[in-house]
Amino acid sequence: MTRKQRRSAFIAGGVAVLGFAAFLVLSALKDSIVFFYSPSDVRAQGLQPGQRIRLGGLVAEGSLKRLAGTEVQFQIGDGSRTIDVSYSGLLPDLFREGQGVVAEGKLDPGGRFVADTVLAKHDEKYMPREVADSLKKQGTWRGAETEAKSPPK
């Protein structure tokens, strides 16, 4: 084997090892990637029950119901559609009706969203960019007083 062939074989082997490593990393991340959807997106795309997603929008006025213990039910809406959400746990201090929220969890077979994590905005100016963009797209954006911005780093 000539020197040029050895070098080419070494480079090809290195590229193959890097490609295999990238494949393994992407395969491992596939199970932990969670996509963001608005209630309209969930209905339009017909997501399967059991698929893990993030659901964002505004907590619908008058929808918050506190049940036994830490169990709560509420609705998340984006101006055109709402989805019923059930959550068992402590809600963030800033959680209230009419405010932006992102819930992470799964759809059950009945169409209810079962959340295991609920995130509320952290100050008066902040709303998750995905929620703000979705509300702008739906035409229900409240204007400059709730302008989306990135959280401080």
N, C-alpha and C. Protein backbone atom coordinates (compact mmCIF):
# COMPACT_ATOMS: atom_id res chain seq x y z
N MET A 1 0.85 -1.17 0.00
CA MET A 1 0.00 0.00 0.00
C MET A 1 0.90 1.23 0.00
N THR A 2 0.62 2.12 -0.91
CA THR A 2 1.44 3.32 -1.00
C THR A 2 1.05 4.30 0.10
N ARG A 3 1.90 5.27 0.25
CA ARG A 3 1.68 6.28 1.27
C ARG A 3 0.36 7.05 1.03
N LYS A 4 0.06 7.35 -0.21
CA LYS A 4 -1.17 8.06 -0.57
C LYS A 4 -2.40 7.21 -0.26
N GLN A 5 -2.33 5.91 -0.52
CA GLN A 5 -3.46 5.02 -0.24
C GLN A 5 -3.70 4.89 1.26
N ARG A 6 -2.58 4.81 2.04
CA ARG A 6 -2.73 4.73 3.50
C ARG A 6 -3.39 5.98 4.05
N ARG A 7 -2.96 7.13 3.56
CA ARG A 7 -3.55 8.39 4.01
C ARG A 7 -5.03 8.45 3.64
N SER A 8 -5.39 8.05 2.43
CA SER A 8 -6.80 8.04 2.01
C SER A 8 -7.62 7.07 2.86
N ALA A 9 -7.07 5.90 3.16
CA ALA A 9 -7.77 4.93 4.00
C ALA A 9 -7.95 5.48 5.41
N PHE A 10 -6.95 6.16 5.94
CA PHE A 10 -7.04 6.76 7.27
C PHE A 10 -8.12 7.84 7.32
N ILE A 11 -8.16 8.67 6.31
CA ILE A 11 -9.17 9.73 6.24
C ILE A 11 -10.57 9.12 6.10
N ALA A 12 -10.71 8.12 5.25
CA ALA A 12 -12.01 7.47 5.06
C ALA A 12 -12.45 6.80 6.36
N GLY A 13 -11.54 6.17 7.07
CA GLY A 13 -11.87 5.54 8.36
C GLY A 13 -12.31 6.58 9.38
N GLY A 14 -11.62 7.72 9.42
CA GLY A 14 -11.98 8.79 10.34
C GLY A 14 -13.37 9.35 10.05
N VAL A 15 -13.67 9.55 8.76
CA VAL A 15 -14.99 10.05 8.37
C VAL A 15 -16.06 9.03 8.76
N ALA A 16 -15.79 7.74 8.58
CA ALA A 16 -16.76 6.70 8.94
C ALA A 16 -17.01 6.69 10.45
N VAL A 17 -15.95 6.81 11.24
CA VAL A 17 -16.11 6.83 12.70
C VAL A 17 -16.91 8.06 13.13
N LEU A 18 -16.60 9.24 12.58
CA LEU A 18 -17.35 10.45 12.91
C LEU A 18 -18.82 10.33 12.49
N GLY A 19 -19.08 9.77 11.34
CA GLY A 19 -20.45 9.57 10.87
C GLY A 19 -21.23 8.65 11.79
N PHE A 20 -20.58 7.56 12.24
CA PHE A 20 -21.23 6.62 13.15
C PHE A 20 -21.51 7.30 14.50
N ALA A 21 -20.55 8.09 14.99
CA ALA A 21 -20.75 8.81 16.25
C ALA A 21 -21.91 9.80 16.14
N ALA A 22 -22.00 10.51 15.03
CA ALA A 22 -23.11 11.45 14.81
C ALA A 22 -24.44 10.71 14.78
N PHE A 23 -24.46 9.56 14.13
CA PHE A 23 -25.68 8.74 14.09
C PHE A 23 -26.12 8.33 15.50
N LEU A 24 -25.18 7.89 16.32
CA LEU A 24 -25.50 7.49 17.69
C LEU A 24 -26.05 8.65 18.51
N VAL A 25 -25.44 9.83 18.37
CA VAL A 25 -25.90 11.00 19.11
C VAL A 25 -27.32 11.38 18.69
N LEU A 26 -27.57 11.43 17.40
CA LEU A 26 -28.90 11.79 16.91
C LEU A 26 -29.94 10.75 17.30
N SER A 27 -29.57 9.48 17.31
CA SER A 27 -30.50 8.43 17.74
C SER A 27 -30.87 8.59 19.21
N ALA A 28 -29.89 8.94 20.03
CA ALA A 28 -30.15 9.12 21.46
C ALA A 28 -31.02 10.36 21.71
N LEU A 29 -30.82 11.41 20.93
CA LEU A 29 -31.59 12.64 21.11
C LEU A 29 -33.01 12.52 20.60
N LYS A 30 -33.26 11.61 19.70
CA LYS A 30 -34.58 11.47 19.10
C LYS A 30 -35.66 11.28 20.16
N ASP A 31 -35.38 10.52 21.20
CA ASP A 31 -36.37 10.26 22.23
C ASP A 31 -36.57 11.43 23.19
N SER A 32 -35.61 12.35 23.25
CA SER A 32 -35.74 13.45 24.21
C SER A 32 -36.16 14.76 23.55
N ILE A 33 -36.34 14.79 22.25
CA ILE A 33 -36.78 16.01 21.57
C ILE A 33 -38.28 16.17 21.78
N VAL A 34 -38.68 17.36 22.22
CA VAL A 34 -40.10 17.65 22.47
C VAL A 34 -40.47 18.86 21.62
N PHE A 35 -41.45 18.71 20.74
CA PHE A 35 -41.85 19.77 19.85
C PHE A 35 -42.92 20.65 20.49
N PHE A 36 -42.94 21.92 20.12
CA PHE A 36 -43.90 22.90 20.63
C PHE A 36 -45.09 23.01 19.68
N TYR A 37 -46.29 23.01 20.25
CA TYR A 37 -47.51 23.16 19.46
C TYR A 37 -48.47 24.11 20.17
N SER A 38 -49.28 24.80 19.40
CA SER A 38 -50.40 25.57 19.94
C SER A 38 -51.63 24.65 19.86
N PRO A 39 -52.72 24.98 20.55
CA PRO A 39 -53.93 24.15 20.45
C PRO A 39 -54.42 23.97 19.00
N SER A 40 -54.32 25.00 18.19
CA SER A 40 -54.73 24.87 16.79
C SER A 40 -53.84 23.89 16.04
N ASP A 41 -52.55 23.93 16.33
CA ASP A 41 -51.61 22.99 15.69
C ASP A 41 -51.93 21.55 16.07
N VAL A 42 -52.27 21.32 17.33
CA VAL A 42 -52.57 19.97 17.80
C VAL A 42 -53.78 19.42 17.06
N ARG A 43 -54.82 20.23 16.92
CA ARG A 43 -56.03 19.78 16.22
C ARG A 43 -55.76 19.60 14.72
N ALA A 44 -55.03 20.53 14.11
CA ALA A 44 -54.79 20.48 12.67
C ALA A 44 -53.90 19.31 12.27
N GLN A 45 -52.92 18.98 13.10
CA GLN A 45 -51.97 17.94 12.73
C GLN A 45 -52.40 16.55 13.19
N GLY A 46 -53.44 16.48 14.01
CA GLY A 46 -53.95 15.18 14.44
C GLY A 46 -52.89 14.35 15.15
N LEU A 47 -52.26 14.91 16.14
CA LEU A 47 -51.20 14.20 16.87
C LEU A 47 -51.74 12.97 17.57
N GLN A 48 -50.92 11.94 17.64
CA GLN A 48 -51.31 10.68 18.25
C GLN A 48 -51.26 10.76 19.77
N PRO A 49 -52.21 10.12 20.46
CA PRO A 49 -52.14 10.06 21.93
C PRO A 49 -50.84 9.39 22.37
N GLY A 50 -50.29 9.88 23.45
CA GLY A 50 -49.04 9.32 23.97
C GLY A 50 -47.79 10.00 23.46
N GLN A 51 -47.90 10.82 22.43
CA GLN A 51 -46.73 11.53 21.90
C GLN A 51 -46.41 12.70 22.82
N ARG A 52 -45.17 12.82 23.24
CA ARG A 52 -44.76 13.87 24.16
C ARG A 52 -44.58 15.18 23.39
N ILE A 53 -45.27 16.25 23.87
CA ILE A 53 -45.20 17.55 23.22
C ILE A 53 -45.19 18.65 24.28
N ARG A 54 -44.93 19.87 23.81
CA ARG A 54 -45.12 21.07 24.62
C ARG A 54 -46.31 21.80 24.03
N LEU A 55 -47.25 22.16 24.89
CA LEU A 55 -48.46 22.86 24.48
C LEU A 55 -48.40 24.26 25.07
N GLY A 56 -48.53 25.27 24.23
CA GLY A 56 -48.43 26.64 24.72
C GLY A 56 -49.58 27.50 24.27
N GLY A 57 -49.89 28.50 25.07
CA GLY A 57 -50.96 29.44 24.76
C GLY A 57 -51.30 30.23 26.01
N LEU A 58 -52.53 30.68 26.06
CA LEU A 58 -53.02 31.44 27.21
C LEU A 58 -53.97 30.58 28.02
N VAL A 59 -53.91 30.70 29.35
CA VAL A 59 -54.85 29.99 30.21
C VAL A 59 -56.21 30.66 30.02
N ALA A 60 -57.20 29.89 29.60
CA ALA A 60 -58.54 30.43 29.32
C ALA A 60 -59.19 30.96 30.60
N GLU A 61 -59.81 32.14 30.47
CA GLU A 61 -60.50 32.77 31.60
C GLU A 61 -61.63 31.86 32.09
N GLY A 62 -61.73 31.69 33.41
CA GLY A 62 -62.80 30.90 34.01
C GLY A 62 -62.63 29.40 33.88
N SER A 63 -61.50 28.91 33.41
CA SER A 63 -61.33 27.48 33.19
C SER A 63 -60.59 26.76 34.31
N LEU A 64 -59.96 27.48 35.22
CA LEU A 64 -59.15 26.87 36.27
C LEU A 64 -60.04 26.24 37.34
N LYS A 65 -59.87 24.92 37.54
CA LYS A 65 -60.61 24.17 38.55
C LYS A 65 -59.61 23.43 39.42
N ARG A 66 -59.66 23.68 40.72
CA ARG A 66 -58.80 22.97 41.67
C ARG A 66 -59.58 21.79 42.22
N LEU A 67 -59.01 20.61 42.08
CA LEU A 67 -59.66 19.38 42.55
C LEU A 67 -58.97 18.93 43.84
N ALA A 68 -59.16 17.70 44.22
CA ALA A 68 -58.58 17.16 45.45
C ALA A 68 -57.05 17.21 45.40
N GLY A 69 -56.46 17.60 46.52
CA GLY A 69 -55.00 17.64 46.62
C GLY A 69 -54.41 18.70 45.71
N THR A 70 -53.42 18.30 44.94
CA THR A 70 -52.76 19.24 44.04
C THR A 70 -53.23 19.09 42.60
N GLU A 71 -54.31 18.36 42.38
CA GLU A 71 -54.85 18.14 41.03
C GLU A 71 -55.59 19.39 40.56
N VAL A 72 -55.25 19.86 39.35
CA VAL A 72 -55.92 21.01 38.76
C VAL A 72 -56.29 20.70 37.31
N GLN A 73 -57.31 21.37 36.84
CA GLN A 73 -57.71 21.29 35.44
C GLN A 73 -57.90 22.70 34.93
N PHE A 74 -57.49 22.93 33.70
CA PHE A 74 -57.67 24.23 33.07
C PHE A 74 -57.62 24.04 31.57
N GLN A 75 -57.83 25.12 30.85
CA GLN A 75 -57.78 25.07 29.39
C GLN A 75 -56.69 26.01 28.90
N ILE A 76 -55.99 25.56 27.86
CA ILE A 76 -55.02 26.41 27.17
C ILE A 76 -55.60 26.73 25.81
N GLY A 77 -55.63 28.01 25.47
CA GLY A 77 -56.19 28.44 24.20
C GLY A 77 -55.25 29.36 23.44
N ASP A 78 -55.50 29.47 22.15
CA ASP A 78 -54.70 30.37 21.32
C ASP A 78 -55.58 31.36 20.56
N GLY A 79 -56.80 31.51 20.97
CA GLY A 79 -57.71 32.45 20.31
C GLY A 79 -58.72 31.77 19.42
N SER A 80 -58.35 30.64 18.84
CA SER A 80 -59.31 29.95 17.98
C SER A 80 -59.70 28.58 18.53
N ARG A 81 -58.83 27.95 19.28
CA ARG A 81 -59.12 26.64 19.86
C ARG A 81 -58.59 26.57 21.29
N THR A 82 -59.20 25.69 22.06
CA THR A 82 -58.71 25.42 23.41
C THR A 82 -58.56 23.92 23.59
N ILE A 83 -57.69 23.54 24.51
CA ILE A 83 -57.49 22.14 24.86
C ILE A 83 -57.57 22.02 26.37
N ASP A 84 -58.32 21.03 26.85
CA ASP A 84 -58.40 20.76 28.28
C ASP A 84 -57.08 20.18 28.75
N VAL A 85 -56.62 20.64 29.91
CA VAL A 85 -55.36 20.20 30.48
C VAL A 85 -55.60 19.74 31.90
N SER A 86 -55.02 18.61 32.28
CA SER A 86 -55.03 18.20 33.69
C SER A 86 -53.58 18.12 34.15
N TYR A 87 -53.37 18.51 35.40
CA TYR A 87 -52.02 18.56 35.96
C TYR A 87 -52.10 18.23 37.43
N SER A 88 -51.18 17.43 37.88
CA SER A 88 -51.09 17.09 39.29
C SER A 88 -49.74 17.57 39.80
N GLY A 89 -49.78 18.56 40.66
CA GLY A 89 -48.56 19.13 41.20
C GLY A 89 -48.78 20.58 41.57
N LEU A 90 -47.72 21.20 42.04
CA LEU A 90 -47.80 22.61 42.41
C LEU A 90 -47.64 23.48 41.17
N LEU A 91 -48.54 24.42 41.01
CA LEU A 91 -48.45 25.36 39.88
C LEU A 91 -47.45 26.45 40.21
N PRO A 92 -46.81 27.04 39.20
CA PRO A 92 -45.90 28.16 39.44
C PRO A 92 -46.65 29.33 40.10
N ASP A 93 -45.95 30.12 40.88
CA ASP A 93 -46.58 31.26 41.57
C ASP A 93 -47.25 32.23 40.61
N LEU A 94 -46.68 32.41 39.43
CA LEU A 94 -47.22 33.38 38.47
C LEU A 94 -48.31 32.81 37.57
N PHE A 95 -48.70 31.57 37.79
CA PHE A 95 -49.74 30.94 36.98
C PHE A 95 -51.09 31.57 37.33
N ARG A 96 -51.81 32.05 36.33
CA ARG A 96 -53.16 32.57 36.51
C ARG A 96 -53.87 32.62 35.16
N GLU A 97 -55.16 32.81 35.21
CA GLU A 97 -55.97 32.85 34.00
C GLU A 97 -55.61 34.07 33.17
N GLY A 98 -55.61 33.89 31.86
CA GLY A 98 -55.31 34.97 30.94
C GLY A 98 -53.83 35.20 30.69
N GLN A 99 -52.97 34.41 31.31
CA GLN A 99 -51.52 34.57 31.17
C GLN A 99 -50.94 33.47 30.29
N GLY A 100 -49.77 33.75 29.73
CA GLY A 100 -49.08 32.79 28.89
C GLY A 100 -48.55 31.62 29.71
N VAL A 101 -48.63 30.43 29.13
CA VAL A 101 -48.18 29.22 29.81
C VAL A 101 -47.69 28.21 28.78
N VAL A 102 -46.73 27.40 29.18
CA VAL A 102 -46.28 26.27 28.38
C VAL A 102 -46.36 25.04 29.26
N ALA A 103 -47.07 24.01 28.79
CA ALA A 103 -47.21 22.76 29.53
C ALA A 103 -46.55 21.65 28.73
N GLU A 104 -45.85 20.77 29.41
CA GLU A 104 -45.20 19.66 28.74
C GLU A 104 -45.83 18.37 29.23
N GLY A 105 -46.18 17.49 28.29
CA GLY A 105 -46.81 16.23 28.66
C GLY A 105 -47.28 15.49 27.43
N LYS A 106 -48.39 14.74 27.59
CA LYS A 106 -48.89 13.89 26.51
C LYS A 106 -50.40 14.04 26.38
N LEU A 107 -50.89 13.80 25.19
CA LEU A 107 -52.33 13.73 24.94
C LEU A 107 -52.83 12.36 25.36
N ASP A 108 -54.01 12.31 26.01
CA ASP A 108 -54.59 11.00 26.31
C ASP A 108 -55.55 10.64 25.17
N PRO A 109 -56.04 9.41 25.12
CA PRO A 109 -56.92 9.00 24.01
C PRO A 109 -58.19 9.83 23.88
N GLY A 110 -58.64 10.48 24.97
CA GLY A 110 -59.85 11.30 24.91
C GLY A 110 -59.60 12.71 24.41
N GLY A 111 -58.36 13.07 24.11
CA GLY A 111 -58.05 14.41 23.61
C GLY A 111 -57.63 15.39 24.69
N ARG A 112 -57.63 14.97 25.95
CA ARG A 112 -57.20 15.82 27.06
C ARG A 112 -55.67 15.77 27.13
N PHE A 113 -55.08 16.90 27.46
CA PHE A 113 -53.63 16.98 27.60
C PHE A 113 -53.28 16.73 29.06
N VAL A 114 -52.47 15.72 29.33
CA VAL A 114 -52.03 15.40 30.69
C VAL A 114 -50.62 15.94 30.84
N ALA A 115 -50.49 17.02 31.60
CA ALA A 115 -49.21 17.71 31.76
C ALA A 115 -48.46 17.16 32.96
N ASP A 116 -47.13 17.06 32.81
CA ASP A 116 -46.30 16.72 33.96
C ASP A 116 -45.41 17.90 34.35
N THR A 117 -45.38 18.94 33.52
CA THR A 117 -44.65 20.16 33.82
C THR A 117 -45.46 21.34 33.31
N VAL A 118 -45.57 22.38 34.13
CA VAL A 118 -46.25 23.61 33.73
C VAL A 118 -45.32 24.78 34.00
N LEU A 119 -45.08 25.59 32.98
CA LEU A 119 -44.22 26.76 33.10
C LEU A 119 -45.04 28.01 32.84
N ALA A 120 -44.90 28.99 33.71
CA ALA A 120 -45.59 30.27 33.53
C ALA A 120 -44.56 31.34 33.24
N LYS A 121 -45.02 32.45 32.68
CA LYS A 121 -44.09 33.53 32.40
C LYS A 121 -43.46 34.03 33.69
N HIS A 122 -42.24 34.55 33.61
CA HIS A 122 -41.53 34.91 34.83
C HIS A 122 -41.57 36.39 35.19
N ASP A 123 -42.05 37.25 34.32
CA ASP A 123 -42.28 38.64 34.68
C ASP A 123 -43.34 39.21 33.74
N GLU A 124 -43.67 40.45 33.89
CA GLU A 124 -44.78 41.04 33.13
C GLU A 124 -44.49 41.20 31.64
N LYS A 125 -43.23 41.22 31.24
CA LYS A 125 -42.90 41.44 29.83
C LYS A 125 -42.64 40.15 29.08
N TYR A 126 -42.39 39.05 29.77
CA TYR A 126 -41.94 37.83 29.11
C TYR A 126 -43.09 36.93 28.70
N MET A 127 -42.97 36.38 27.51
CA MET A 127 -43.82 35.30 27.06
C MET A 127 -42.93 34.44 26.17
N PRO A 128 -42.98 33.11 26.29
CA PRO A 128 -42.14 32.28 25.44
C PRO A 128 -42.33 32.65 23.97
N ARG A 129 -41.22 32.74 23.25
CA ARG A 129 -41.25 33.19 21.87
C ARG A 129 -42.21 32.35 21.02
N GLU A 130 -42.23 31.02 21.25
CA GLU A 130 -43.11 30.16 20.48
C GLU A 130 -44.58 30.51 20.70
N VAL A 131 -44.93 30.83 21.96
CA VAL A 131 -46.31 31.20 22.27
C VAL A 131 -46.66 32.53 21.61
N ALA A 132 -45.75 33.50 21.72
CA ALA A 132 -46.00 34.81 21.11
C ALA A 132 -46.15 34.70 19.59
N ASP A 133 -45.27 33.93 18.95
CA ASP A 133 -45.35 33.76 17.50
C ASP A 133 -46.66 33.08 17.10
N SER A 134 -47.07 32.09 17.88
CA SER A 134 -48.32 31.39 17.59
C SER A 134 -49.52 32.32 17.74
N LEU A 135 -49.51 33.16 18.79
CA LEU A 135 -50.61 34.10 18.99
C LEU A 135 -50.64 35.16 17.90
N LYS A 136 -49.47 35.60 17.44
CA LYS A 136 -49.42 36.56 16.33
C LYS A 136 -50.00 35.93 15.07
N LYS A 137 -49.65 34.67 14.83
CA LYS A 137 -50.13 33.96 13.65
C LYS A 137 -51.65 33.79 13.68
N GLN A 138 -52.21 33.59 14.89
CA GLN A 138 -53.65 33.43 15.04
C GLN A 138 -54.39 34.76 15.05
N GLY A 139 -53.65 35.87 15.19
CA GLY A 139 -54.27 37.18 15.21
C GLY A 139 -54.81 37.59 16.57
N THR A 140 -54.35 36.93 17.64
CA THR A 140 -54.84 37.26 18.98
C THR A 140 -53.75 37.88 19.84
N TRP A 141 -52.71 38.36 19.24
CA TRP A 141 -51.61 38.99 19.96
C TRP A 141 -52.09 40.27 20.63
N ARG A 142 -51.70 40.51 21.87
CA ARG A 142 -52.20 41.66 22.63
C ARG A 142 -51.45 42.95 22.36
N GLY A 143 -50.37 42.91 21.66
CA GLY A 143 -49.67 44.14 21.32
C GLY A 143 -48.35 44.29 22.03
N ALA A 144 -47.85 45.50 22.00
CA ALA A 144 -46.49 45.79 22.50
C ALA A 144 -46.35 45.65 24.01
N GLU A 145 -47.45 45.73 24.76
CA GLU A 145 -47.30 45.66 26.22
C GLU A 145 -46.86 44.28 26.69
N THR A 146 -46.99 43.24 25.86
CA THR A 146 -46.52 41.90 26.21
C THR A 146 -45.51 41.41 25.18
N GLU A 147 -44.71 42.30 24.66
CA GLU A 147 -43.75 41.98 23.61
C GLU A 147 -42.83 40.84 24.07
N ALA A 148 -42.66 39.85 23.19
CA ALA A 148 -41.80 38.71 23.52
C ALA A 148 -40.34 39.13 23.50
N LYS A 149 -39.60 38.60 24.44
CA LYS A 149 -38.17 38.82 24.45
C LYS A 149 -37.51 37.59 25.04
N SER A 150 -36.26 37.46 24.79
CA SER A 150 -35.52 36.32 25.30
C SER A 150 -35.28 36.50 26.79
N PRO A 151 -35.28 35.38 27.53
CA PRO A 151 -34.99 35.50 28.95
C PRO A 151 -33.56 35.94 29.16
N PRO A 152 -33.26 36.64 30.26
CA PRO A 152 -31.89 37.09 30.51
C PRO A 152 -30.95 35.91 30.65
N LYS A 153 -29.71 36.13 30.23
CA LYS A 153 -28.72 35.04 30.31
C LYS A 153 -27.81 35.21 31.47
